[in-house]
Amino acid sequence: MLCRNWLQPDLVKSHLMYAVREEVEVLKEQIKELIEKNSQLEQENNLLKTLASPEQLAQFQAQLQTGSPPAAAQPPAQPASQGSGPTA
């Protein structure tokens, strides 16, 4: 009986080590995917920065500082040249 009790902690330890190794592999894969996604989003962000006008960038910075929702969540603003008021 003493020999059997002595082996149980090793069995538990072995099982836990196996479970931890599996979890480490899953987490490594998730980290790899997140790094790839982050890289993709950084490239997209840089592209959008190059395509945005200075006015759009200023508006975005102002929204970040005030905590306003992004422009995509707000109705589009009409340019002043379209004349939103009544004409005579």
PDB file of N, CA and C in Angstrom:
ATOM      1  N   MET A   1       0.821  -1.193   0.000  1.00  0.00           N
ATOM      2  CA  MET A   1       0.000   0.000   0.000  1.00  0.00           C
ATOM      3  C   MET A   1       0.862   1.254   0.000  1.00  0.00           C
ATOM      4  N   LEU A   2       1.949   1.232   0.723  1.00  0.00           N
ATOM      5  CA  LEU A   2       2.839   2.379   0.794  1.00  0.00           C
ATOM      6  C   LEU A   2       3.409   2.706  -0.580  1.00  0.00           C
ATOM      7  N   CYS A   3       3.779   1.710  -1.352  1.00  0.00           N
ATOM      8  CA  CYS A   3       4.331   1.910  -2.691  1.00  0.00           C
ATOM      9  C   CYS A   3       3.291   2.547  -3.608  1.00  0.00           C
ATOM     10  N   ARG A   4       2.056   2.122  -3.513  1.00  0.00           N
ATOM     11  CA  ARG A   4       0.992   2.646  -4.361  1.00  0.00           C
ATOM     12  C   ARG A   4       0.733   4.130  -4.066  1.00  0.00           C
ATOM     13  N   ASN A   5       0.680   4.529  -2.810  1.00  0.00           N
ATOM     14  CA  ASN A   5       0.490   5.932  -2.428  1.00  0.00           C
ATOM     15  C   ASN A   5       1.662   6.791  -2.870  1.00  0.00           C
ATOM     16  N   TRP A   6       2.815   6.205  -2.897  1.00  0.00           N
ATOM     17  CA  TRP A   6       4.004   6.939  -3.304  1.00  0.00           C
ATOM     18  C   TRP A   6       3.962   7.275  -4.796  1.00  0.00           C
ATOM     19  N   LEU A   7       3.353   6.412  -5.623  1.00  0.00           N
ATOM     20  CA  LEU A   7       3.294   6.631  -7.061  1.00  0.00           C
ATOM     21  C   LEU A   7       2.215   7.627  -7.460  1.00  0.00           C
ATOM     22  N   GLN A   8       1.176   7.793  -6.666  1.00  0.00           N
ATOM     23  CA  GLN A   8       0.072   8.678  -7.037  1.00  0.00           C
ATOM     24  C   GLN A   8       0.512  10.125  -7.244  1.00  0.00           C
ATOM     25  N   PRO A   9       1.331  10.703  -6.383  1.00  0.00           N
ATOM     26  CA  PRO A   9       1.754  12.093  -6.643  1.00  0.00           C
ATOM     27  C   PRO A   9       2.492  12.227  -7.980  1.00  0.00           C
ATOM     28  N   ASP A  10       3.289  11.240  -8.346  1.00  0.00           N
ATOM     29  CA  ASP A  10       3.977  11.302  -9.639  1.00  0.00           C
ATOM     30  C   ASP A  10       2.990  11.236 -10.790  1.00  0.00           C
ATOM     31  N   LEU A  11       1.944  10.444 -10.636  1.00  0.00           N
ATOM     32  CA  LEU A  11       0.926  10.345 -11.672  1.00  0.00           C
ATOM     33  C   LEU A  11       0.181  11.669 -11.822  1.00  0.00           C
ATOM     34  N   VAL A  12      -0.164  12.267 -10.689  1.00  0.00           N
ATOM     35  CA  VAL A  12      -0.845  13.562 -10.717  1.00  0.00           C
ATOM     36  C   VAL A  12       0.071  14.617 -11.333  1.00  0.00           C
ATOM     37  N   LYS A  13       1.307  14.628 -10.906  1.00  0.00           N
ATOM     38  CA  LYS A  13       2.287  15.581 -11.441  1.00  0.00           C
ATOM     39  C   LYS A  13       2.448  15.408 -12.949  1.00  0.00           C
ATOM     40  N   SER A  14       2.543  14.177 -13.390  1.00  0.00           N
ATOM     41  CA  SER A  14       2.699  13.892 -14.812  1.00  0.00           C
ATOM     42  C   SER A  14       1.484  14.375 -15.603  1.00  0.00           C
ATOM     43  N   HIS A  15       0.297  14.116 -15.067  1.00  0.00           N
ATOM     44  CA  HIS A  15      -0.931  14.555 -15.739  1.00  0.00           C
ATOM     45  C   HIS A  15      -0.997  16.082 -15.802  1.00  0.00           C
ATOM     46  N   LEU A  16      -0.666  16.742 -14.710  1.00  0.00           N
ATOM     47  CA  LEU A  16      -0.690  18.210 -14.687  1.00  0.00           C
ATOM     48  C   LEU A  16       0.338  18.800 -15.659  1.00  0.00           C
ATOM     49  N   MET A  17       1.520  18.211 -15.713  1.00  0.00           N
ATOM     50  CA  MET A  17       2.549  18.702 -16.634  1.00  0.00           C
ATOM     51  C   MET A  17       2.086  18.556 -18.084  1.00  0.00           C
ATOM     52  N   TYR A  18       1.434  17.435 -18.387  1.00  0.00           N
ATOM     53  CA  TYR A  18       0.909  17.226 -19.738  1.00  0.00           C
ATOM     54  C   TYR A  18      -0.152  18.278 -20.062  1.00  0.00           C
ATOM     55  N   ALA A  19      -1.066  18.535 -19.123  1.00  0.00           N
ATOM     56  CA  ALA A  19      -2.116  19.526 -19.332  1.00  0.00           C
ATOM     57  C   ALA A  19      -1.522  20.920 -19.509  1.00  0.00           C
ATOM     58  N   VAL A  20      -0.517  21.244 -18.729  1.00  0.00           N
ATOM     59  CA  VAL A  20       0.134  22.555 -18.840  1.00  0.00           C
ATOM     60  C   VAL A  20       0.825  22.691 -20.183  1.00  0.00           C
ATOM     61  N   ARG A  21       1.502  21.650 -20.636  1.00  0.00           N
ATOM     62  CA  ARG A  21       2.167  21.706 -21.944  1.00  0.00           C
ATOM     63  C   ARG A  21       1.158  21.935 -23.068  1.00  0.00           C
ATOM     64  N   GLU A  22       0.019  21.241 -22.977  1.00  0.00           N
ATOM     65  CA  GLU A  22      -1.024  21.449 -23.988  1.00  0.00           C
ATOM     66  C   GLU A  22      -1.515  22.889 -23.975  1.00  0.00           C
ATOM     67  N   GLU A  23      -1.744  23.422 -22.783  1.00  0.00           N
ATOM     68  CA  GLU A  23      -2.226  24.798 -22.669  1.00  0.00           C
ATOM     69  C   GLU A  23      -1.193  25.791 -23.196  1.00  0.00           C
ATOM     70  N   VAL A  24       0.069  25.527 -22.935  1.00  0.00           N
ATOM     71  CA  VAL A  24       1.139  26.392 -23.438  1.00  0.00           C
ATOM     72  C   VAL A  24       1.124  26.404 -24.962  1.00  0.00           C
ATOM     73  N   GLU A  25       0.931  25.256 -25.574  1.00  0.00           N
ATOM     74  CA  GLU A  25       0.887  25.190 -27.037  1.00  0.00           C
ATOM     75  C   GLU A  25      -0.298  25.977 -27.581  1.00  0.00           C
ATOM     76  N   VAL A  26      -1.452  25.864 -26.933  1.00  0.00           N
ATOM     77  CA  VAL A  26      -2.633  26.619 -27.360  1.00  0.00           C
ATOM     78  C   VAL A  26      -2.359  28.110 -27.247  1.00  0.00           C
ATOM     79  N   LEU A  27      -1.765  28.520 -26.122  1.00  0.00           N
ATOM     80  CA  LEU A  27      -1.478  29.946 -25.920  1.00  0.00           C
ATOM     81  C   LEU A  27      -0.433  30.460 -26.911  1.00  0.00           C
ATOM     82  N   LYS A  28       0.559  29.647 -27.222  1.00  0.00           N
ATOM     83  CA  LYS A  28       1.549  30.047 -28.225  1.00  0.00           C
ATOM     84  C   LYS A  28       0.884  30.289 -29.580  1.00  0.00           C
ATOM     85  N   GLU A  29      -0.043  29.431 -29.945  1.00  0.00           N
ATOM     86  CA  GLU A  29      -0.754  29.591 -31.216  1.00  0.00           C
ATOM     87  C   GLU A  29      -1.610  30.847 -31.202  1.00  0.00           C
ATOM     88  N   GLN A  30      -2.285  31.104 -30.082  1.00  0.00           N
ATOM     89  CA  GLN A  30      -3.085  32.323 -29.976  1.00  0.00           C
ATOM     90  C   GLN A  30      -2.214  33.568 -30.068  1.00  0.00           C
ATOM     91  N   ILE A  31      -1.055  33.535 -29.425  1.00  0.00           N
ATOM     92  CA  ILE A  31      -0.132  34.673 -29.490  1.00  0.00           C
ATOM     93  C   ILE A  31       0.320  34.895 -30.929  1.00  0.00           C
ATOM     94  N   LYS A  32       0.641  33.813 -31.623  1.00  0.00           N
ATOM     95  CA  LYS A  32       1.071  33.909 -33.022  1.00  0.00           C
ATOM     96  C   LYS A  32      -0.023  34.550 -33.870  1.00  0.00           C
ATOM     97  N   GLU A  33      -1.282  34.102 -33.683  1.00  0.00           N
ATOM     98  CA  GLU A  33      -2.394  34.661 -34.439  1.00  0.00           C
ATOM     99  C   GLU A  33      -2.610  36.136 -34.102  1.00  0.00           C
ATOM    100  N   LEU A  34      -2.487  36.486 -32.826  1.00  0.00           N
ATOM    101  CA  LEU A  34      -2.674  37.883 -32.425  1.00  0.00           C
ATOM    102  C   LEU A  34      -1.566  38.784 -32.977  1.00  0.00           C
ATOM    103  N   ILE A  35      -0.352  38.278 -33.023  1.00  0.00           N
ATOM    104  CA  ILE A  35       0.754  39.052 -33.597  1.00  0.00           C
ATOM    105  C   ILE A  35       0.501  39.300 -35.079  1.00  0.00           C
ATOM    106  N   GLU A  36       0.033  38.262 -35.792  1.00  0.00           N
ATOM    107  CA  GLU A  36      -0.272  38.424 -37.210  1.00  0.00           C
ATOM    108  C   GLU A  36      -1.410  39.418 -37.414  1.00  0.00           C
ATOM    109  N   LYS A  37      -2.455  39.322 -36.602  1.00  0.00           N
ATOM    110  CA  LYS A  37      -3.595  40.238 -36.704  1.00  0.00           C
ATOM    111  C   LYS A  37      -3.156  41.665 -36.390  1.00  0.00           C
ATOM    112  N   ASN A  38      -2.318  41.819 -35.377  1.00  0.00           N
ATOM    113  CA  ASN A  38      -1.813  43.141 -35.020  1.00  0.00           C
ATOM    114  C   ASN A  38      -1.007  43.746 -36.160  1.00  0.00           C
ATOM    115  N   SER A  39      -0.185  42.944 -36.787  1.00  0.00           N
ATOM    116  CA  SER A  39       0.616  43.415 -37.914  1.00  0.00           C
ATOM    117  C   SER A  39      -0.289  43.859 -39.061  1.00  0.00           C
ATOM    118  N   GLN A  40      -1.315  43.062 -39.334  1.00  0.00           N
ATOM    119  CA  GLN A  40      -2.259  43.400 -40.392  1.00  0.00           C
ATOM    120  C   GLN A  40      -2.976  44.719 -40.071  1.00  0.00           C
ATOM    121  N   LEU A  41      -3.412  44.877 -38.831  1.00  0.00           N
ATOM    122  CA  LEU A  41      -4.120  46.104 -38.443  1.00  0.00           C
ATOM    123  C   LEU A  41      -3.195  47.327 -38.475  1.00  0.00           C
ATOM    124  N   GLU A  42      -1.927  47.136 -38.111  1.00  0.00           N
ATOM    125  CA  GLU A  42      -0.973  48.242 -38.192  1.00  0.00           C
ATOM    126  C   GLU A  42      -0.769  48.684 -39.645  1.00  0.00           C
ATOM    127  N   GLN A  43      -0.683  47.712 -40.548  1.00  0.00           N
ATOM    128  CA  GLN A  43      -0.531  48.053 -41.964  1.00  0.00           C
ATOM    129  C   GLN A  43      -1.764  48.796 -42.467  1.00  0.00           C
ATOM    130  N   GLU A  44      -2.941  48.322 -42.083  1.00  0.00           N
ATOM    131  CA  GLU A  44      -4.176  48.975 -42.486  1.00  0.00           C
ATOM    132  C   GLU A  44      -4.253  50.386 -41.905  1.00  0.00           C
ATOM    133  N   ASN A  45      -3.855  50.530 -40.658  1.00  0.00           N
ATOM    134  CA  ASN A  45      -3.861  51.838 -40.014  1.00  0.00           C
ATOM    135  C   ASN A  45      -2.922  52.805 -40.728  1.00  0.00           C
ATOM    136  N   ASN A  46      -1.728  52.336 -41.066  1.00  0.00           N
ATOM    137  CA  ASN A  46      -0.774  53.192 -41.780  1.00  0.00           C
ATOM    138  C   ASN A  46      -1.308  53.601 -43.147  1.00  0.00           C
ATOM    139  N   LEU A  47      -1.961  52.679 -43.837  1.00  0.00           N
ATOM    140  CA  LEU A  47      -2.545  52.997 -45.134  1.00  0.00           C
ATOM    141  C   LEU A  47      -3.638  54.056 -44.979  1.00  0.00           C
ATOM    142  N   LEU A  48      -4.504  53.859 -43.990  1.00  0.00           N
ATOM    143  CA  LEU A  48      -5.577  54.830 -43.772  1.00  0.00           C
ATOM    144  C   LEU A  48      -5.024  56.201 -43.397  1.00  0.00           C
ATOM    145  N   LYS A  49      -3.949  56.224 -42.631  1.00  0.00           N
ATOM    146  CA  LYS A  49      -3.330  57.512 -42.274  1.00  0.00           C
ATOM    147  C   LYS A  49      -2.809  58.228 -43.516  1.00  0.00           C
ATOM    148  N   THR A  50      -2.239  57.465 -44.445  1.00  0.00           N
ATOM    149  CA  THR A  50      -1.697  58.107 -45.646  1.00  0.00           C
ATOM    150  C   THR A  50      -2.807  58.595 -46.566  1.00  0.00           C
ATOM    151  N   LEU A  51      -3.967  57.926 -46.533  1.00  0.00           N
ATOM    152  CA  LEU A  51      -5.071  58.309 -47.409  1.00  0.00           C
ATOM    153  C   LEU A  51      -5.964  59.396 -46.812  1.00  0.00           C
ATOM    154  N   ALA A  52      -5.904  59.579 -45.502  1.00  0.00           N
ATOM    155  CA  ALA A  52      -6.777  60.553 -44.840  1.00  0.00           C
ATOM    156  C   ALA A  52      -6.265  61.968 -45.065  1.00  0.00           C
ATOM    157  N   SER A  53      -7.200  62.893 -45.171  1.00  0.00           N
ATOM    158  CA  SER A  53      -6.828  64.301 -45.303  1.00  0.00           C
ATOM    159  C   SER A  53      -6.432  64.842 -43.937  1.00  0.00           C
ATOM    160  N   PRO A  54      -5.696  65.947 -43.905  1.00  0.00           N
ATOM    161  CA  PRO A  54      -5.327  66.549 -42.617  1.00  0.00           C
ATOM    162  C   PRO A  54      -6.559  66.888 -41.767  1.00  0.00           C
ATOM    163  N   GLU A  55      -7.649  67.305 -42.422  1.00  0.00           N
ATOM    164  CA  GLU A  55      -8.868  67.626 -41.674  1.00  0.00           C
ATOM    165  C   GLU A  55      -9.443  66.374 -41.007  1.00  0.00           C
ATOM    166  N   GLN A  56      -9.428  65.252 -41.734  1.00  0.00           N
ATOM    167  CA  GLN A  56      -9.943  64.005 -41.170  1.00  0.00           C
ATOM    168  C   GLN A  56      -9.092  63.548 -39.986  1.00  0.00           C
ATOM    169  N   LEU A  57      -7.773  63.685 -40.123  1.00  0.00           N
ATOM    170  CA  LEU A  57      -6.886  63.296 -39.029  1.00  0.00           C
ATOM    171  C   LEU A  57      -7.120  64.177 -37.804  1.00  0.00           C
ATOM    172  N   ALA A  58      -7.297  65.475 -38.021  1.00  0.00           N
ATOM    173  CA  ALA A  58      -7.552  66.393 -36.912  1.00  0.00           C
ATOM    174  C   ALA A  58      -8.874  66.051 -36.230  1.00  0.00           C
ATOM    175  N   GLN A  59      -9.897  65.750 -37.035  1.00  0.00           N
ATOM    176  CA  GLN A  59     -11.197  65.386 -36.481  1.00  0.00           C
ATOM    177  C   GLN A  59     -11.083  64.098 -35.664  1.00  0.00           C
ATOM    178  N   PHE A  60     -10.348  63.141 -36.164  1.00  0.00           N
ATOM    179  CA  PHE A  60     -10.168  61.881 -35.454  1.00  0.00           C
ATOM    180  C   PHE A  60      -9.444  62.101 -34.131  1.00  0.00           C
ATOM    181  N   GLN A  61      -8.384  62.922 -34.152  1.00  0.00           N
ATOM    182  CA  GLN A  61      -7.653  63.214 -32.923  1.00  0.00           C
ATOM    183  C   GLN A  61      -8.565  63.892 -31.903  1.00  0.00           C
ATOM    184  N   ALA A  62      -9.416  64.805 -32.363  1.00  0.00           N
ATOM    185  CA  ALA A  62     -10.344  65.486 -31.465  1.00  0.00           C
ATOM    186  C   ALA A  62     -11.324  64.491 -30.861  1.00  0.00           C
ATOM    187  N   GLN A  63     -11.793  63.550 -31.653  1.00  0.00           N
ATOM    188  CA  GLN A  63     -12.714  62.533 -31.145  1.00  0.00           C
ATOM    189  C   GLN A  63     -12.045  61.648 -30.105  1.00  0.00           C
ATOM    190  N   LEU A  64     -10.782  61.333 -30.325  1.00  0.00           N
ATOM    191  CA  LEU A  64     -10.061  60.515 -29.357  1.00  0.00           C
ATOM    192  C   LEU A  64      -9.942  61.244 -28.018  1.00  0.00           C
ATOM    193  N   GLN A  65      -9.683  62.540 -28.078  1.00  0.00           N
ATOM    194  CA  GLN A  65      -9.490  63.315 -26.853  1.00  0.00           C
ATOM    195  C   GLN A  65     -10.797  63.521 -26.097  1.00  0.00           C
ATOM    196  N   THR A  66     -11.908  63.670 -26.799  1.00  0.00           N
ATOM    197  CA  THR A  66     -13.189  63.916 -26.142  1.00  0.00           C
ATOM    198  C   THR A  66     -13.925  62.616 -25.826  1.00  0.00           C
ATOM    199  N   GLY A  67     -13.484  61.515 -26.389  1.00  0.00           N
ATOM    200  CA  GLY A  67     -14.154  60.245 -26.155  1.00  0.00           C
ATOM    201  C   GLY A  67     -15.407  60.074 -26.981  1.00  0.00           C
ATOM    202  N   SER A  68     -15.562  60.860 -28.042  1.00  0.00           N
ATOM    203  CA  SER A  68     -16.718  60.735 -28.919  1.00  0.00           C
ATOM    204  C   SER A  68     -16.619  59.445 -29.714  1.00  0.00           C
ATOM    205  N   PRO A  69     -17.762  58.907 -30.152  1.00  0.00           N
ATOM    206  CA  PRO A  69     -17.704  57.702 -30.985  1.00  0.00           C
ATOM    207  C   PRO A  69     -17.064  58.009 -32.327  1.00  0.00           C
ATOM    208  N   PRO A  70     -16.509  57.011 -32.985  1.00  0.00           N
ATOM    209  CA  PRO A  70     -15.895  57.227 -34.294  1.00  0.00           C
ATOM    210  C   PRO A  70     -16.904  57.755 -35.300  1.00  0.00           C
ATOM    211  N   ALA A  71     -16.397  58.394 -36.342  1.00  0.00           N
ATOM    212  CA  ALA A  71     -17.253  59.006 -37.363  1.00  0.00           C
ATOM    213  C   ALA A  71     -18.143  57.964 -38.036  1.00  0.00           C
ATOM    214  N   ALA A  72     -17.700  56.718 -38.127  1.00  0.00           N
ATOM    215  CA  ALA A  72     -18.499  55.677 -38.773  1.00  0.00           C
ATOM    216  C   ALA A  72     -19.789  55.419 -38.011  1.00  0.00           C
ATOM    217  N   ALA A  73     -19.798  55.699 -36.707  1.00  0.00           N
ATOM    218  CA  ALA A  73     -20.991  55.462 -35.906  1.00  0.00           C
ATOM    219  C   ALA A  73     -21.935  56.660 -35.936  1.00  0.00           C
ATOM    220  N   GLN A  74     -21.462  57.789 -36.447  1.00  0.00           N
ATOM    221  CA  GLN A  74     -22.270  58.989 -36.526  1.00  0.00           C
ATOM    222  C   GLN A  74     -22.779  59.160 -37.948  1.00  0.00           C
ATOM    223  N   PRO A  75     -23.914  59.873 -38.116  1.00  0.00           N
ATOM    224  CA  PRO A  75     -24.368  60.134 -39.483  1.00  0.00           C
ATOM    225  C   PRO A  75     -23.343  60.995 -40.209  1.00  0.00           C
ATOM    226  N   PRO A  76     -23.158  60.777 -41.502  1.00  0.00           N
ATOM    227  CA  PRO A  76     -22.150  61.537 -42.244  1.00  0.00           C
ATOM    228  C   PRO A  76     -22.506  63.020 -42.286  1.00  0.00           C
ATOM    229  N   ALA A  77     -21.497  63.846 -42.102  1.00  0.00           N
ATOM    230  CA  ALA A  77     -21.700  65.289 -42.165  1.00  0.00           C
ATOM    231  C   ALA A  77     -21.736  65.729 -43.624  1.00  0.00           C
ATOM    232  N   GLN A  78     -22.613  66.668 -43.931  1.00  0.00           N
ATOM    233  CA  GLN A  78     -22.702  67.150 -45.305  1.00  0.00           C
ATOM    234  C   GLN A  78     -21.696  68.269 -45.503  1.00  0.00           C
ATOM    235  N   PRO A  79     -20.974  68.252 -46.601  1.00  0.00           N
ATOM    236  CA  PRO A  79     -20.043  69.337 -46.879  1.00  0.00           C
ATOM    237  C   PRO A  79     -20.789  70.658 -47.022  1.00  0.00           C
ATOM    238  N   ALA A  80     -20.140  71.753 -46.639  1.00  0.00           N
ATOM    239  CA  ALA A  80     -20.761  73.075 -46.689  1.00  0.00           C
ATOM    240  C   ALA A  80     -21.106  73.491 -48.118  1.00  0.00           C
ATOM    241  N   SER A  81     -20.418  72.957 -49.106  1.00  0.00           N
ATOM    242  CA  SER A  81     -20.644  73.357 -50.488  1.00  0.00           C
ATOM    243  C   SER A  81     -22.009  72.890 -51.032  1.00  0.00           C
ATOM    244  N   GLN A  82     -22.640  71.916 -50.353  1.00  0.00           N
ATOM    245  CA  GLN A  82     -23.913  71.424 -50.849  1.00  0.00           C
ATOM    246  C   GLN A  82     -25.066  72.320 -50.450  1.00  0.00           C
ATOM    247  N   GLY A  83     -24.856  73.220 -49.526  1.00  0.00           N
ATOM    248  CA  GLY A  83     -25.907  74.166 -49.135  1.00  0.00           C
ATOM    249  C   GLY A  83     -27.083  73.475 -48.495  1.00  0.00           C
ATOM    250  N   SER A  84     -26.984  73.230 -47.214  1.00  0.00           N
ATOM    251  CA  SER A  84     -28.048  72.510 -46.535  1.00  0.00           C
ATOM    252  C   SER A  84     -29.229  73.412 -46.202  1.00  0.00           C
ATOM    253  N   GLY A  85     -29.089  74.722 -46.341  1.00  0.00           N
ATOM    254  CA  GLY A  85     -30.174  75.652 -46.006  1.00  0.00           C
ATOM    255  C   GLY A  85     -31.046  75.910 -47.212  1.00  0.00           C
ATOM    256  N   PRO A  86     -32.215  76.552 -47.007  1.00  0.00           N
ATOM    257  CA  PRO A  86     -33.113  76.866 -48.120  1.00  0.00           C
ATOM    258  C   PRO A  86     -32.498  77.929 -49.034  1.00  0.00           C
ATOM    259  N   THR A  87     -32.839  77.855 -50.295  1.00  0.00           N
ATOM    260  CA  THR A  87     -32.352  78.832 -51.265  1.00  0.00           C
ATOM    261  C   THR A  87     -33.491  79.759 -51.666  1.00  0.00           C
ATOM    262  N   ALA A  88     -33.174  81.005 -52.019  1.00  0.00           N
ATOM    263  CA  ALA A  88     -34.214  81.986 -52.361  1.00  0.00           C
ATOM    264  C   ALA A  88     -34.447  82.067 -53.826  1.00  0.00           C
TER     265      ALA A  88
END
